[in-house]
Amino acid sequence: MTRPIVLCIGDNPMSAYVYHAIRHLGVTHVIQEDGPSEERPDSLKSWGRQLYVRYTIPLMRWFSRERVHELKRRYPLNHQPIPLHHLLKVTSLNDARAKMWLDRLMPELVIFHETGPIEPEVLKRIDCPVLTVRPSMAAGQLEAYWAFRAKPNVCEVRIEQWTERGWSVLDRSVLYIGGTDNFATYPYLQLSTGLPLLRRQIEAMLEEDVYDRRID
């Protein structure tokens, strides 16, 4: 491979797990935006849910320590920070500096994890396949709040690729929720299930001509 893989992330410590899981596949640079924070709620119900998460998640983490350790054993997650010499920090992945880096690096593959909403114009200018892990906690997608549903309709992790028609699902897997799972354990549950899917898609794209793999 002569061109690099670029990982684009938000200010989320879970993204370090993604970096270490795929770095040996050719990740040379990580573009990190300052945000995003959670999306601004658009209803009173959303405000209440956001406040509930903000003030109860430390307690959830305390009571979920054993479950988190179990999930980490399922798929070894490297908690070491991303090396500083691999980081390129920008205000937003939609700003001119981020676009400049993507143009200069000319990546073979771009992966987004826990970023804010990316403008379609930015995605269209990337001349290589673009993958992401969904649902995203950062983007405020309601699927990520499955822990608040008594009977969730869908509980899964997806690997999606950007196409001219939007995001298209490449792979998906059901998340097997235990009785003690909650909002604090969700990110670990998602990555322990989703990272093998992401690795599989990257490896498949690198084995073939990545441009033949693009979806028109």
N, C-alpha and C. Protein backbone atom coordinates (compact mmCIF):
# COMPACT_ATOMS: atom_id res chain seq x y z
N MET A 1 0.85 -1.20 0.00
CA MET A 1 0.00 0.00 0.00
C MET A 1 0.88 1.24 0.00
N THR A 2 0.65 2.13 -0.97
CA THR A 2 1.49 3.32 -1.08
C THR A 2 0.82 4.55 -0.49
N ARG A 3 -0.50 4.48 -0.28
CA ARG A 3 -1.21 5.62 0.29
C ARG A 3 -1.73 5.25 1.67
N PRO A 4 -1.85 6.23 2.57
CA PRO A 4 -2.18 5.92 3.96
C PRO A 4 -3.68 5.74 4.20
N ILE A 5 -3.97 5.19 5.36
CA ILE A 5 -5.32 5.19 5.90
C ILE A 5 -5.38 6.32 6.91
N VAL A 6 -6.43 7.13 6.84
CA VAL A 6 -6.59 8.26 7.76
C VAL A 6 -7.83 8.02 8.62
N LEU A 7 -7.65 8.13 9.92
CA LEU A 7 -8.74 7.99 10.89
C LEU A 7 -9.14 9.39 11.34
N CYS A 8 -10.42 9.72 11.20
CA CYS A 8 -10.94 11.02 11.63
C CYS A 8 -11.83 10.81 12.85
N ILE A 9 -11.54 11.55 13.92
CA ILE A 9 -12.24 11.32 15.19
C ILE A 9 -12.67 12.63 15.83
N GLY A 10 -13.57 12.51 16.79
CA GLY A 10 -13.91 13.64 17.64
C GLY A 10 -13.12 13.55 18.93
N ASP A 11 -13.48 14.37 19.88
CA ASP A 11 -12.79 14.37 21.16
C ASP A 11 -13.43 13.31 22.06
N ASN A 12 -13.17 12.05 21.74
CA ASN A 12 -13.79 10.93 22.43
C ASN A 12 -12.72 9.89 22.76
N PRO A 13 -12.49 9.57 24.03
CA PRO A 13 -11.42 8.63 24.39
C PRO A 13 -11.61 7.24 23.80
N MET A 14 -12.84 6.87 23.46
CA MET A 14 -13.08 5.55 22.88
C MET A 14 -12.43 5.40 21.51
N SER A 15 -12.16 6.51 20.84
CA SER A 15 -11.55 6.43 19.51
C SER A 15 -10.14 5.88 19.56
N ALA A 16 -9.47 5.97 20.72
CA ALA A 16 -8.14 5.39 20.85
C ALA A 16 -8.19 3.87 20.67
N TYR A 17 -9.27 3.25 21.12
CA TYR A 17 -9.43 1.81 20.93
C TYR A 17 -9.50 1.46 19.45
N VAL A 18 -10.20 2.30 18.69
CA VAL A 18 -10.32 2.08 17.26
C VAL A 18 -8.94 2.21 16.59
N TYR A 19 -8.22 3.25 16.96
CA TYR A 19 -6.89 3.48 16.39
C TYR A 19 -5.98 2.27 16.60
N HIS A 20 -5.90 1.79 17.83
CA HIS A 20 -4.99 0.68 18.11
C HIS A 20 -5.45 -0.63 17.47
N ALA A 21 -6.75 -0.76 17.23
CA ALA A 21 -7.25 -1.99 16.61
C ALA A 21 -6.93 -2.07 15.12
N ILE A 22 -6.73 -0.90 14.47
CA ILE A 22 -6.54 -0.92 13.01
C ILE A 22 -5.24 -0.27 12.57
N ARG A 23 -4.43 0.21 13.49
CA ARG A 23 -3.25 0.99 13.10
C ARG A 23 -2.29 0.17 12.24
N HIS A 24 -2.15 -1.13 12.53
CA HIS A 24 -1.20 -1.95 11.78
C HIS A 24 -1.66 -2.21 10.35
N LEU A 25 -2.90 -1.86 10.04
CA LEU A 25 -3.40 -2.02 8.68
C LEU A 25 -2.97 -0.88 7.77
N GLY A 26 -2.36 0.16 8.37
CA GLY A 26 -1.84 1.26 7.56
C GLY A 26 -2.28 2.63 7.98
N VAL A 27 -2.79 2.78 9.22
CA VAL A 27 -3.20 4.10 9.70
C VAL A 27 -1.95 4.92 10.02
N THR A 28 -1.75 5.99 9.30
CA THR A 28 -0.57 6.82 9.51
C THR A 28 -0.90 8.16 10.16
N HIS A 29 -2.14 8.62 10.01
CA HIS A 29 -2.52 9.92 10.56
C HIS A 29 -3.91 9.84 11.17
N VAL A 30 -4.10 10.62 12.23
CA VAL A 30 -5.41 10.74 12.88
C VAL A 30 -5.76 12.22 12.94
N ILE A 31 -6.84 12.60 12.28
CA ILE A 31 -7.31 13.98 12.31
C ILE A 31 -8.38 14.08 13.39
N GLN A 32 -8.12 14.89 14.41
CA GLN A 32 -9.03 15.00 15.54
C GLN A 32 -9.63 16.40 15.62
N GLU A 33 -10.95 16.47 15.65
CA GLU A 33 -11.61 17.76 15.80
C GLU A 33 -11.81 18.06 17.28
N ASP A 34 -11.96 19.34 17.60
CA ASP A 34 -12.11 19.76 18.99
C ASP A 34 -13.34 19.16 19.63
N GLY A 35 -14.41 19.06 18.90
CA GLY A 35 -15.67 18.50 19.41
C GLY A 35 -15.79 17.07 18.96
N PRO A 36 -17.01 16.60 18.82
CA PRO A 36 -18.18 17.41 19.10
C PRO A 36 -18.70 17.16 20.50
N SER A 37 -19.44 18.11 21.01
CA SER A 37 -20.22 17.84 22.21
C SER A 37 -21.51 17.17 21.75
N GLU A 38 -22.35 16.79 22.69
CA GLU A 38 -23.61 16.20 22.31
C GLU A 38 -24.43 17.22 21.52
N GLU A 39 -25.25 16.72 20.61
CA GLU A 39 -26.08 17.63 19.85
C GLU A 39 -27.05 18.36 20.78
N ARG A 40 -27.39 19.58 20.41
CA ARG A 40 -28.33 20.36 21.21
C ARG A 40 -29.71 19.73 21.11
N PRO A 41 -30.30 19.37 22.24
CA PRO A 41 -31.63 18.73 22.20
C PRO A 41 -32.66 19.63 21.56
N ASP A 42 -33.62 19.02 20.86
CA ASP A 42 -34.65 19.79 20.17
C ASP A 42 -36.01 19.66 20.82
N SER A 43 -36.05 19.06 22.02
CA SER A 43 -37.32 18.93 22.72
C SER A 43 -37.06 18.82 24.22
N LEU A 44 -38.10 19.04 25.00
CA LEU A 44 -37.97 18.93 26.45
C LEU A 44 -37.59 17.51 26.86
N LYS A 45 -38.14 16.53 26.16
CA LYS A 45 -37.80 15.13 26.45
C LYS A 45 -36.32 14.87 26.19
N SER A 46 -35.81 15.44 25.09
CA SER A 46 -34.39 15.25 24.76
C SER A 46 -33.50 15.93 25.80
N TRP A 47 -33.91 17.11 26.26
CA TRP A 47 -33.15 17.80 27.31
C TRP A 47 -33.08 16.93 28.56
N GLY A 48 -34.22 16.38 28.95
CA GLY A 48 -34.26 15.54 30.14
C GLY A 48 -33.39 14.32 30.02
N ARG A 49 -33.38 13.70 28.83
CA ARG A 49 -32.55 12.51 28.61
C ARG A 49 -31.07 12.87 28.68
N GLN A 50 -30.70 14.00 28.07
CA GLN A 50 -29.30 14.41 28.08
C GLN A 50 -28.81 14.71 29.49
N LEU A 51 -29.64 15.41 30.27
CA LEU A 51 -29.26 15.71 31.65
C LEU A 51 -29.16 14.43 32.48
N TYR A 52 -30.06 13.50 32.24
CA TYR A 52 -30.03 12.24 32.96
C TYR A 52 -28.71 11.50 32.69
N VAL A 53 -28.33 11.46 31.41
CA VAL A 53 -27.08 10.79 31.03
C VAL A 53 -25.89 11.48 31.68
N ARG A 54 -25.88 12.80 31.61
CA ARG A 54 -24.73 13.56 32.10
C ARG A 54 -24.47 13.35 33.59
N TYR A 55 -25.54 13.28 34.37
CA TYR A 55 -25.36 13.23 35.83
C TYR A 55 -25.42 11.82 36.42
N THR A 56 -25.88 10.85 35.65
CA THR A 56 -25.95 9.48 36.19
C THR A 56 -24.88 8.56 35.63
N ILE A 57 -24.24 8.95 34.51
CA ILE A 57 -23.27 8.04 33.92
C ILE A 57 -22.08 7.76 34.83
N PRO A 58 -21.59 8.71 35.66
CA PRO A 58 -20.50 8.34 36.58
C PRO A 58 -20.92 7.22 37.53
N LEU A 59 -22.17 7.26 38.00
CA LEU A 59 -22.66 6.20 38.88
C LEU A 59 -22.80 4.89 38.11
N MET A 60 -23.26 4.98 36.87
CA MET A 60 -23.37 3.77 36.03
C MET A 60 -22.00 3.13 35.83
N ARG A 61 -21.00 3.95 35.59
CA ARG A 61 -19.65 3.42 35.38
C ARG A 61 -19.15 2.69 36.62
N TRP A 62 -19.45 3.23 37.77
CA TRP A 62 -19.00 2.61 39.02
C TRP A 62 -19.60 1.22 39.19
N PHE A 63 -20.91 1.12 38.99
CA PHE A 63 -21.59 -0.16 39.18
C PHE A 63 -21.38 -1.13 38.01
N SER A 64 -20.83 -0.63 36.89
CA SER A 64 -20.66 -1.47 35.70
C SER A 64 -19.20 -1.88 35.48
N ARG A 65 -18.35 -1.72 36.48
CA ARG A 65 -16.93 -2.01 36.29
C ARG A 65 -16.69 -3.45 35.87
N GLU A 66 -17.34 -4.39 36.49
CA GLU A 66 -17.13 -5.80 36.15
C GLU A 66 -17.59 -6.10 34.72
N ARG A 67 -18.72 -5.52 34.34
CA ARG A 67 -19.22 -5.74 32.98
C ARG A 67 -18.27 -5.13 31.96
N VAL A 68 -17.71 -3.96 32.23
CA VAL A 68 -16.75 -3.34 31.31
C VAL A 68 -15.52 -4.22 31.17
N HIS A 69 -15.01 -4.76 32.28
CA HIS A 69 -13.85 -5.65 32.22
C HIS A 69 -14.17 -6.89 31.38
N GLU A 70 -15.38 -7.40 31.53
CA GLU A 70 -15.79 -8.56 30.73
C GLU A 70 -15.78 -8.24 29.25
N LEU A 71 -16.30 -7.07 28.88
CA LEU A 71 -16.35 -6.67 27.47
C LEU A 71 -14.95 -6.42 26.93
N LYS A 72 -14.08 -5.88 27.75
CA LYS A 72 -12.69 -5.66 27.31
C LYS A 72 -11.97 -6.98 27.07
N ARG A 73 -12.33 -8.01 27.84
CA ARG A 73 -11.70 -9.32 27.62
C ARG A 73 -12.22 -9.97 26.34
N ARG A 74 -13.46 -9.67 25.99
CA ARG A 74 -14.05 -10.27 24.78
C ARG A 74 -13.26 -9.86 23.54
N TYR A 75 -12.91 -8.61 23.47
CA TYR A 75 -12.08 -8.12 22.37
C TYR A 75 -11.07 -7.17 22.99
N PRO A 76 -9.82 -7.62 23.13
CA PRO A 76 -8.82 -6.80 23.83
C PRO A 76 -8.78 -5.38 23.30
N LEU A 77 -9.03 -4.42 24.18
CA LEU A 77 -9.03 -3.01 23.81
C LEU A 77 -7.82 -2.32 24.42
N ASN A 78 -7.02 -1.74 23.56
CA ASN A 78 -5.80 -1.05 23.99
C ASN A 78 -6.16 0.36 24.43
N HIS A 79 -5.97 0.64 25.71
CA HIS A 79 -6.39 1.93 26.27
C HIS A 79 -5.31 3.00 26.16
N GLN A 80 -4.16 2.68 25.56
CA GLN A 80 -3.10 3.68 25.44
C GLN A 80 -3.55 4.83 24.55
N PRO A 81 -3.14 6.06 24.87
CA PRO A 81 -3.54 7.20 24.03
C PRO A 81 -2.91 7.12 22.65
N ILE A 82 -3.53 7.81 21.72
CA ILE A 82 -2.99 7.87 20.36
C ILE A 82 -1.69 8.67 20.40
N PRO A 83 -0.59 8.17 19.82
CA PRO A 83 0.68 8.92 19.84
C PRO A 83 0.50 10.33 19.27
N LEU A 84 1.08 11.30 19.95
CA LEU A 84 0.90 12.69 19.55
C LEU A 84 1.43 12.96 18.15
N HIS A 85 2.50 12.25 17.75
CA HIS A 85 3.06 12.52 16.44
C HIS A 85 2.18 12.00 15.31
N HIS A 86 1.11 11.25 15.64
CA HIS A 86 0.16 10.81 14.62
C HIS A 86 -1.08 11.70 14.57
N LEU A 87 -1.21 12.63 15.52
CA LEU A 87 -2.40 13.45 15.63
C LEU A 87 -2.28 14.76 14.86
N LEU A 88 -3.32 15.09 14.13
CA LEU A 88 -3.46 16.39 13.47
C LEU A 88 -4.75 17.00 14.00
N LYS A 89 -4.65 18.07 14.78
CA LYS A 89 -5.84 18.63 15.44
C LYS A 89 -6.42 19.78 14.62
N VAL A 90 -7.74 19.76 14.51
CA VAL A 90 -8.46 20.79 13.78
C VAL A 90 -9.66 21.22 14.63
N THR A 91 -10.21 22.38 14.31
CA THR A 91 -11.39 22.85 15.03
C THR A 91 -12.61 21.99 14.69
N SER A 92 -12.77 21.72 13.41
CA SER A 92 -13.88 20.89 12.93
C SER A 92 -13.43 20.14 11.69
N LEU A 93 -13.98 18.96 11.50
CA LEU A 93 -13.65 18.20 10.30
C LEU A 93 -14.29 18.81 9.05
N ASN A 94 -15.13 19.83 9.25
CA ASN A 94 -15.74 20.52 8.12
C ASN A 94 -14.98 21.78 7.73
N ASP A 95 -13.93 22.16 8.50
CA ASP A 95 -13.28 23.43 8.20
C ASP A 95 -12.17 23.26 7.16
N ALA A 96 -11.61 24.39 6.74
CA ALA A 96 -10.64 24.39 5.65
C ALA A 96 -9.37 23.64 6.01
N ARG A 97 -8.96 23.68 7.27
CA ARG A 97 -7.72 23.00 7.67
C ARG A 97 -7.87 21.48 7.53
N ALA A 98 -9.01 20.95 7.93
CA ALA A 98 -9.25 19.52 7.79
C ALA A 98 -9.26 19.11 6.31
N LYS A 99 -9.91 19.92 5.49
CA LYS A 99 -9.94 19.63 4.05
C LYS A 99 -8.53 19.67 3.47
N MET A 100 -7.72 20.62 3.93
CA MET A 100 -6.35 20.73 3.46
C MET A 100 -5.57 19.46 3.76
N TRP A 101 -5.71 18.95 5.00
CA TRP A 101 -4.98 17.74 5.37
C TRP A 101 -5.44 16.54 4.55
N LEU A 102 -6.73 16.41 4.34
CA LEU A 102 -7.23 15.28 3.56
C LEU A 102 -6.75 15.36 2.11
N ASP A 103 -6.68 16.57 1.57
CA ASP A 103 -6.15 16.73 0.21
C ASP A 103 -4.67 16.40 0.15
N ARG A 104 -3.93 16.86 1.15
CA ARG A 104 -2.48 16.67 1.15
C ARG A 104 -2.09 15.21 1.37
N LEU A 105 -2.81 14.52 2.25
CA LEU A 105 -2.46 13.14 2.58
C LEU A 105 -2.85 12.15 1.48
N MET A 106 -3.84 12.51 0.66
CA MET A 106 -4.33 11.64 -0.41
C MET A 106 -4.52 10.20 0.08
N PRO A 107 -5.39 10.00 1.05
CA PRO A 107 -5.53 8.67 1.66
C PRO A 107 -6.11 7.63 0.73
N GLU A 108 -5.82 6.38 1.02
CA GLU A 108 -6.41 5.25 0.31
C GLU A 108 -7.76 4.88 0.93
N LEU A 109 -7.93 5.25 2.18
CA LEU A 109 -9.16 4.94 2.90
C LEU A 109 -9.30 5.92 4.05
N VAL A 110 -10.52 6.42 4.28
CA VAL A 110 -10.80 7.33 5.40
C VAL A 110 -11.86 6.68 6.28
N ILE A 111 -11.62 6.74 7.59
CA ILE A 111 -12.56 6.16 8.55
C ILE A 111 -12.96 7.25 9.54
N PHE A 112 -14.26 7.41 9.76
CA PHE A 112 -14.78 8.36 10.74
C PHE A 112 -15.27 7.60 11.95
N HIS A 113 -14.91 8.12 13.15
CA HIS A 113 -15.43 7.52 14.38
C HIS A 113 -15.76 8.61 15.39
N GLU A 114 -17.01 8.62 15.82
CA GLU A 114 -17.48 9.55 16.86
C GLU A 114 -17.15 11.01 16.55
N THR A 115 -17.45 11.40 15.33
CA THR A 115 -17.28 12.79 14.94
C THR A 115 -18.63 13.50 14.95
N GLY A 116 -18.59 14.81 14.80
CA GLY A 116 -19.84 15.52 14.60
C GLY A 116 -20.34 15.27 13.20
N PRO A 117 -21.53 15.77 12.87
CA PRO A 117 -22.06 15.60 11.51
C PRO A 117 -21.08 16.15 10.47
N ILE A 118 -20.82 15.36 9.44
CA ILE A 118 -19.90 15.75 8.37
C ILE A 118 -20.72 16.25 7.19
N GLU A 119 -20.37 17.43 6.70
CA GLU A 119 -21.10 18.01 5.58
C GLU A 119 -20.91 17.15 4.33
N PRO A 120 -21.98 16.94 3.56
CA PRO A 120 -21.87 16.13 2.33
C PRO A 120 -20.80 16.65 1.38
N GLU A 121 -20.60 17.96 1.35
CA GLU A 121 -19.58 18.53 0.45
C GLU A 121 -18.18 18.03 0.82
N VAL A 122 -17.95 17.84 2.11
CA VAL A 122 -16.65 17.33 2.55
C VAL A 122 -16.49 15.88 2.13
N LEU A 123 -17.54 15.09 2.31
CA LEU A 123 -17.48 13.67 1.95
C LEU A 123 -17.31 13.48 0.44
N LYS A 124 -17.96 14.34 -0.34
CA LYS A 124 -17.89 14.19 -1.80
C LYS A 124 -16.51 14.49 -2.35
N ARG A 125 -15.74 15.32 -1.65
CA ARG A 125 -14.43 15.69 -2.17
C ARG A 125 -13.35 14.67 -1.81
N ILE A 126 -13.67 13.71 -0.95
CA ILE A 126 -12.70 12.68 -0.57
C ILE A 126 -12.66 11.63 -1.66
N ASP A 127 -11.50 11.50 -2.30
CA ASP A 127 -11.38 10.64 -3.48
C ASP A 127 -10.92 9.22 -3.10
N CYS A 128 -11.65 8.61 -2.18
CA CYS A 128 -11.36 7.24 -1.77
C CYS A 128 -12.54 6.74 -0.97
N PRO A 129 -12.63 5.45 -0.68
CA PRO A 129 -13.73 4.95 0.15
C PRO A 129 -13.72 5.58 1.55
N VAL A 130 -14.90 5.80 2.09
CA VAL A 130 -15.08 6.39 3.43
C VAL A 130 -15.97 5.47 4.25
N LEU A 131 -15.49 5.04 5.41
CA LEU A 131 -16.24 4.15 6.29
C LEU A 131 -16.53 4.83 7.62
N THR A 132 -17.56 4.38 8.29
CA THR A 132 -17.86 4.86 9.63
C THR A 132 -18.52 3.75 10.43
N VAL A 133 -18.50 3.92 11.76
CA VAL A 133 -19.15 2.98 12.67
C VAL A 133 -20.42 3.64 13.18
N ARG A 134 -21.55 2.96 13.06
CA ARG A 134 -22.83 3.49 13.49
C ARG A 134 -23.50 2.51 14.45
N PRO A 135 -24.38 3.00 15.32
CA PRO A 135 -24.73 4.40 15.53
C PRO A 135 -23.65 5.14 16.28
N SER A 136 -23.64 6.45 16.10
CA SER A 136 -22.63 7.29 16.73
C SER A 136 -23.21 7.97 17.96
N MET A 137 -22.52 7.87 19.07
CA MET A 137 -22.94 8.56 20.28
C MET A 137 -22.82 10.07 20.07
N ALA A 138 -21.74 10.49 19.41
CA ALA A 138 -21.47 11.91 19.23
C ALA A 138 -22.53 12.59 18.39
N ALA A 139 -23.04 11.90 17.39
CA ALA A 139 -24.01 12.50 16.49
C ALA A 139 -25.41 12.53 17.08
N GLY A 140 -25.55 12.00 18.28
CA GLY A 140 -26.83 12.07 18.95
C GLY A 140 -27.90 11.19 18.35
N GLN A 141 -27.49 10.11 17.66
CA GLN A 141 -28.48 9.24 17.05
C GLN A 141 -29.26 8.49 18.14
N LEU A 142 -30.55 8.42 17.96
CA LEU A 142 -31.39 7.85 19.00
C LEU A 142 -31.13 6.37 19.22
N GLU A 143 -30.62 5.67 18.21
CA GLU A 143 -30.34 4.25 18.39
C GLU A 143 -29.32 4.02 19.51
N ALA A 144 -28.44 4.99 19.71
CA ALA A 144 -27.41 4.83 20.74
C ALA A 144 -28.00 4.91 22.14
N TYR A 145 -29.25 5.32 22.24
CA TYR A 145 -29.89 5.42 23.55
C TYR A 145 -30.79 4.21 23.82
N TRP A 146 -30.40 3.06 23.26
CA TRP A 146 -31.21 1.85 23.43
C TRP A 146 -31.41 1.51 24.90
N ALA A 147 -30.46 1.92 25.76
CA ALA A 147 -30.53 1.56 27.17
C ALA A 147 -31.76 2.16 27.86
N PHE A 148 -32.37 3.18 27.24
CA PHE A 148 -33.52 3.83 27.84
C PHE A 148 -34.84 3.23 27.34
N ARG A 149 -34.74 2.28 26.43
CA ARG A 149 -35.94 1.67 25.89
C ARG A 149 -36.22 0.36 26.62
N ALA A 150 -37.45 0.15 26.97
CA ALA A 150 -37.79 -1.11 27.62
C ALA A 150 -37.64 -2.27 26.65
N LYS A 151 -38.04 -2.05 25.39
CA LYS A 151 -37.93 -3.09 24.36
C LYS A 151 -37.36 -2.45 23.10
N PRO A 152 -36.06 -2.37 22.98
CA PRO A 152 -35.48 -1.72 21.80
C PRO A 152 -35.86 -2.46 20.52
N ASN A 153 -36.22 -1.69 19.50
CA ASN A 153 -36.57 -2.29 18.22
C ASN A 153 -35.34 -2.82 17.50
N VAL A 154 -34.26 -2.06 17.55
CA VAL A 154 -33.02 -2.44 16.89
C VAL A 154 -31.87 -2.22 17.85
N CYS A 155 -31.04 -3.20 18.01
CA CYS A 155 -29.86 -3.06 18.85
C CYS A 155 -28.71 -3.71 18.11
N GLU A 156 -27.98 -2.93 17.36
CA GLU A 156 -26.95 -3.48 16.50
C GLU A 156 -25.84 -2.45 16.29
N VAL A 157 -24.75 -2.91 15.70
CA VAL A 157 -23.67 -2.03 15.27
C VAL A 157 -23.52 -2.24 13.78
N ARG A 158 -23.22 -1.15 13.07
CA ARG A 158 -23.12 -1.22 11.61
C ARG A 158 -21.82 -0.58 11.13
N ILE A 159 -21.26 -1.14 10.08
CA ILE A 159 -20.18 -0.50 9.34
C ILE A 159 -20.79 0.03 8.06
N GLU A 160 -20.68 1.34 7.85
CA GLU A 160 -21.32 1.95 6.70
C GLU A 160 -20.29 2.64 5.82
N GLN A 161 -20.61 2.72 4.52
CA GLN A 161 -19.74 3.39 3.55
C GLN A 161 -20.50 4.53 2.88
N TRP A 162 -19.79 5.65 2.70
CA TRP A 162 -20.41 6.79 2.04
C TRP A 162 -20.54 6.53 0.55
N THR A 163 -21.71 6.83 0.00
CA THR A 163 -21.95 6.67 -1.43
C THR A 163 -22.58 7.96 -1.94
N GLU A 164 -22.81 8.02 -3.23
CA GLU A 164 -23.45 9.20 -3.81
C GLU A 164 -24.87 9.36 -3.31
N ARG A 165 -25.46 8.28 -2.81
CA ARG A 165 -26.83 8.34 -2.29
C ARG A 165 -26.88 8.46 -0.78
N GLY A 166 -25.71 8.62 -0.15
CA GLY A 166 -25.65 8.69 1.31
C GLY A 166 -24.92 7.50 1.88
N TRP A 167 -25.19 7.19 3.15
CA TRP A 167 -24.51 6.09 3.81
C TRP A 167 -25.18 4.76 3.48
N SER A 168 -24.36 3.77 3.15
CA SER A 168 -24.85 2.44 2.80
C SER A 168 -24.23 1.41 3.74
N VAL A 169 -25.03 0.48 4.24
CA VAL A 169 -24.56 -0.52 5.20
C VAL A 169 -23.73 -1.59 4.49
N LEU A 170 -22.50 -1.80 4.96
CA LEU A 170 -21.64 -2.86 4.46
C LEU A 170 -21.72 -4.12 5.31
N ASP A 171 -21.82 -3.93 6.62
CA ASP A 171 -21.85 -5.07 7.53
C ASP A 171 -22.59 -4.64 8.79
N ARG A 172 -23.16 -5.60 9.48
CA ARG A 172 -23.88 -5.30 10.71
C ARG A 172 -23.88 -6.53 11.60
N SER A 173 -24.07 -6.28 12.90
CA SER A 173 -24.14 -7.38 13.85
C SER A 173 -25.03 -6.97 15.01
N VAL A 174 -25.78 -7.92 15.52
CA VAL A 174 -26.64 -7.68 16.68
C VAL A 174 -25.77 -7.57 17.92
N LEU A 175 -26.10 -6.61 18.79
CA LEU A 175 -25.42 -6.48 20.07
C LEU A 175 -26.17 -7.32 21.11
N TYR A 176 -25.45 -8.21 21.77
CA TYR A 176 -26.08 -9.07 22.76
C TYR A 176 -26.00 -8.39 24.13
N ILE A 177 -27.14 -7.90 24.56
CA ILE A 177 -27.20 -7.09 25.77
C ILE A 177 -27.41 -7.98 26.99
N GLY A 178 -26.61 -7.75 28.01
CA GLY A 178 -26.79 -8.46 29.27
C GLY A 178 -27.70 -7.68 30.19
N GLY A 179 -28.13 -8.31 31.26
CA GLY A 179 -29.06 -7.67 32.17
C GLY A 179 -28.48 -6.47 32.89
N THR A 180 -27.16 -6.37 32.95
CA THR A 180 -26.53 -5.25 33.66
C THR A 180 -26.05 -4.15 32.71
N ASP A 181 -26.28 -4.30 31.41
CA ASP A 181 -25.82 -3.28 30.47
C ASP A 181 -26.63 -2.00 30.61
N ASN A 182 -25.94 -0.89 30.40
CA ASN A 182 -26.57 0.42 30.48
C ASN A 182 -25.82 1.39 29.58
N PHE A 183 -26.11 2.66 29.71
CA PHE A 183 -25.50 3.65 28.84
C PHE A 183 -23.98 3.69 28.98
N ALA A 184 -23.48 3.38 30.18
CA ALA A 184 -22.03 3.41 30.41
C ALA A 184 -21.32 2.24 29.76
N THR A 185 -21.98 1.10 29.62
CA THR A 185 -21.33 -0.06 29.02
C THR A 185 -21.52 -0.10 27.50
N TYR A 186 -22.45 0.71 26.99
CA TYR A 186 -22.76 0.66 25.56
C TYR A 186 -21.53 0.84 24.67
N PRO A 187 -20.67 1.85 24.89
CA PRO A 187 -19.53 2.02 23.97
C PRO A 187 -18.62 0.80 23.92
N TYR A 188 -18.42 0.14 25.04
CA TYR A 188 -17.58 -1.07 25.06
C TYR A 188 -18.27 -2.23 24.36
N LEU A 189 -19.57 -2.34 24.57
CA LEU A 189 -20.34 -3.39 23.90
C LEU A 189 -20.31 -3.17 22.39
N GLN A 190 -20.45 -1.92 21.98
CA GLN A 190 -20.43 -1.62 20.55
C GLN A 190 -19.08 -1.94 19.92
N LEU A 191 -17.98 -1.51 20.57
CA LEU A 191 -16.66 -1.73 19.97
C LEU A 191 -16.23 -3.19 20.02
N SER A 192 -16.55 -3.90 21.10
CA SER A 192 -16.15 -5.30 21.17
C SER A 192 -16.83 -6.11 20.08
N THR A 193 -18.00 -5.66 19.62
CA THR A 193 -18.70 -6.33 18.53
C THR A 193 -18.34 -5.72 17.18
N GLY A 194 -18.20 -4.39 17.13
CA GLY A 194 -18.02 -3.71 15.85
C GLY A 194 -16.60 -3.68 15.30
N LEU A 195 -15.58 -3.70 16.17
CA LEU A 195 -14.21 -3.61 15.67
C LEU A 195 -13.82 -4.78 14.77
N PRO A 196 -14.21 -6.02 15.09
CA PRO A 196 -13.91 -7.11 14.14
C PRO A 196 -14.57 -6.89 12.78
N LEU A 197 -15.76 -6.31 12.77
CA LEU A 197 -16.43 -6.01 11.50
C LEU A 197 -15.64 -4.96 10.72
N LEU A 198 -15.19 -3.91 11.41
CA LEU A 198 -14.43 -2.85 10.76
C LEU A 198 -13.13 -3.39 10.20
N ARG A 199 -12.43 -4.18 10.98
CA ARG A 199 -11.17 -4.77 10.50
C ARG A 199 -11.40 -5.61 9.26
N ARG A 200 -12.47 -6.38 9.27
CA ARG A 200 -12.77 -7.25 8.12
C ARG A 200 -13.02 -6.44 6.86
N GLN A 201 -13.74 -5.33 6.97
CA GLN A 201 -14.00 -4.50 5.80
C GLN A 201 -12.73 -3.83 5.30
N ILE A 202 -11.90 -3.34 6.22
CA ILE A 202 -10.64 -2.71 5.80
C ILE A 202 -9.74 -3.72 5.11
N GLU A 203 -9.59 -4.90 5.69
CA GLU A 203 -8.73 -5.93 5.10
C GLU A 203 -9.22 -6.34 3.71
N ALA A 204 -10.55 -6.43 3.55
CA ALA A 204 -11.10 -6.79 2.25
C ALA A 204 -10.80 -5.71 1.22
N MET A 205 -10.90 -4.43 1.62
CA MET A 205 -10.63 -3.35 0.69
C MET A 205 -9.15 -3.26 0.31
N LEU A 206 -8.28 -3.60 1.26
CA LEU A 206 -6.86 -3.55 0.97
C LEU A 206 -6.41 -4.73 0.11
N GLU A 207 -7.13 -5.83 0.18
CA GLU A 207 -6.78 -7.00 -0.62
C GLU A 207 -7.14 -6.79 -2.08
N GLU A 208 -8.14 -5.98 -2.34
CA GLU A 208 -8.57 -5.70 -3.70
C GLU A 208 -8.20 -4.27 -4.07
N ASP A 209 -8.51 -3.91 -5.29
CA ASP A 209 -8.33 -2.52 -5.72
C ASP A 209 -9.41 -1.71 -5.04
N VAL A 210 -9.05 -0.79 -4.15
CA VAL A 210 -10.04 -0.06 -3.37
C VAL A 210 -10.96 0.76 -4.27
N TYR A 211 -10.49 1.17 -5.39
CA TYR A 211 -11.35 1.98 -6.26
C TYR A 211 -12.44 1.13 -6.90
N ASP A 212 -12.15 -0.15 -7.10
CA ASP A 212 -13.19 -1.05 -7.60
C ASP A 212 -14.23 -1.31 -6.54
N ARG A 213 -13.88 -1.05 -5.27
CA ARG A 213 -14.81 -1.29 -4.18
C ARG A 213 -15.74 -0.11 -3.92
N ARG A 214 -15.48 1.02 -4.53
CA ARG A 214 -16.32 2.19 -4.29
C ARG A 214 -17.73 1.96 -4.81
N ILE A 215 -18.71 2.48 -4.12
CA ILE A 215 -20.11 2.30 -4.50
C ILE A 215 -20.56 3.54 -5.26
N ASP A 216 -21.03 3.35 -6.46
CA ASP A 216 -21.48 4.48 -7.29
C ASP A 216 -22.96 4.77 -7.03
